[in-house]
């Protein structure tokens, strides 16, 4: 039979490892997006405007 406290510890450890992995992945993606935005500012502006137009159209319905 397993010890409930040990199971909880294992679940917490797994959660923390997954959280750390996700956090580092997100940080790397943000760095990539920042670099892309600096390299192609017009394209970034066009994408932001398109997203704003779509969100605006949804809210103004």
Protein backbone atom coordinates (compact mmCIF):
# COMPACT_ATOMS: atom_id res chain seq x y z
CA UNK A 1 0.00 0.00 0.00
CA UNK A 2 1.30 3.48 -0.79
CA UNK A 3 1.77 6.30 1.63
CA UNK A 4 -0.57 9.23 0.84
CA UNK A 5 2.03 11.76 1.99
CA UNK A 6 4.61 10.28 -0.37
CA UNK A 7 2.11 10.39 -3.25
CA UNK A 8 1.40 14.06 -2.53
CA UNK A 9 5.13 14.84 -2.44
CA UNK A 10 5.63 13.04 -5.76
CA UNK A 11 2.74 14.96 -7.32
CA UNK A 12 4.13 18.27 -6.04
CA UNK A 13 7.59 17.45 -7.40
CA UNK A 14 6.14 16.53 -10.79
CA UNK A 15 4.09 19.73 -10.84
CA UNK A 16 7.12 21.88 -9.98
CA UNK A 17 9.25 20.20 -12.67
CA UNK A 18 6.51 20.72 -15.25
CA UNK A 19 6.07 24.32 -14.17
CA UNK A 20 9.80 24.99 -14.48
CA UNK A 21 9.88 23.43 -17.96
CA UNK A 22 6.86 25.45 -19.11
CA UNK A 23 8.29 28.64 -17.63
CA UNK A 24 11.61 28.27 -19.44
CA UNK A 25 9.82 27.42 -22.71
CA UNK A 26 7.61 30.52 -22.42
CA UNK A 27 10.58 32.75 -21.59
CA UNK A 28 12.43 31.49 -24.67
CA UNK A 29 9.40 32.08 -26.89
CA UNK A 30 9.05 35.64 -25.55
CA UNK A 31 12.69 36.32 -26.34
CA UNK A 32 12.10 35.00 -29.87
CA UNK A 33 9.03 37.22 -30.30
CA UNK A 34 10.89 40.29 -29.03
CA UNK A 35 13.74 39.66 -31.43
CA UNK A 36 11.33 39.15 -34.31
CA UNK A 37 9.49 42.37 -33.43
CA UNK A 38 12.76 44.28 -33.46
CA UNK A 39 13.80 42.76 -36.78
CA UNK A 40 10.48 43.34 -38.54
CA UNK A 41 8.63 46.27 -36.92
CA UNK A 42 6.25 46.91 -39.85
CA UNK A 43 5.13 43.28 -39.92
CA UNK A 44 4.65 43.34 -36.13
CA UNK A 45 2.58 46.51 -36.38
CA UNK A 46 0.39 44.98 -39.10
CA UNK A 47 -0.21 41.85 -37.03
CA UNK A 48 -1.07 43.91 -33.93
CA UNK A 49 -3.47 46.06 -35.98
CA UNK A 50 -5.17 42.98 -37.43
CA UNK A 51 -5.58 41.43 -33.99
CA UNK A 52 -7.00 44.71 -32.69
CA UNK A 53 -9.44 44.89 -35.59
CA UNK A 54 -10.67 41.35 -34.97
CA UNK A 55 -11.08 41.92 -31.23
CA UNK A 56 -12.80 45.25 -31.91
CA UNK A 57 -15.21 43.63 -34.34
CA UNK A 58 -16.06 40.96 -31.79
CA UNK A 59 -16.76 43.48 -29.01
CA UNK A 60 -18.72 45.88 -31.22
CA UNK A 61 -21.23 43.25 -32.33
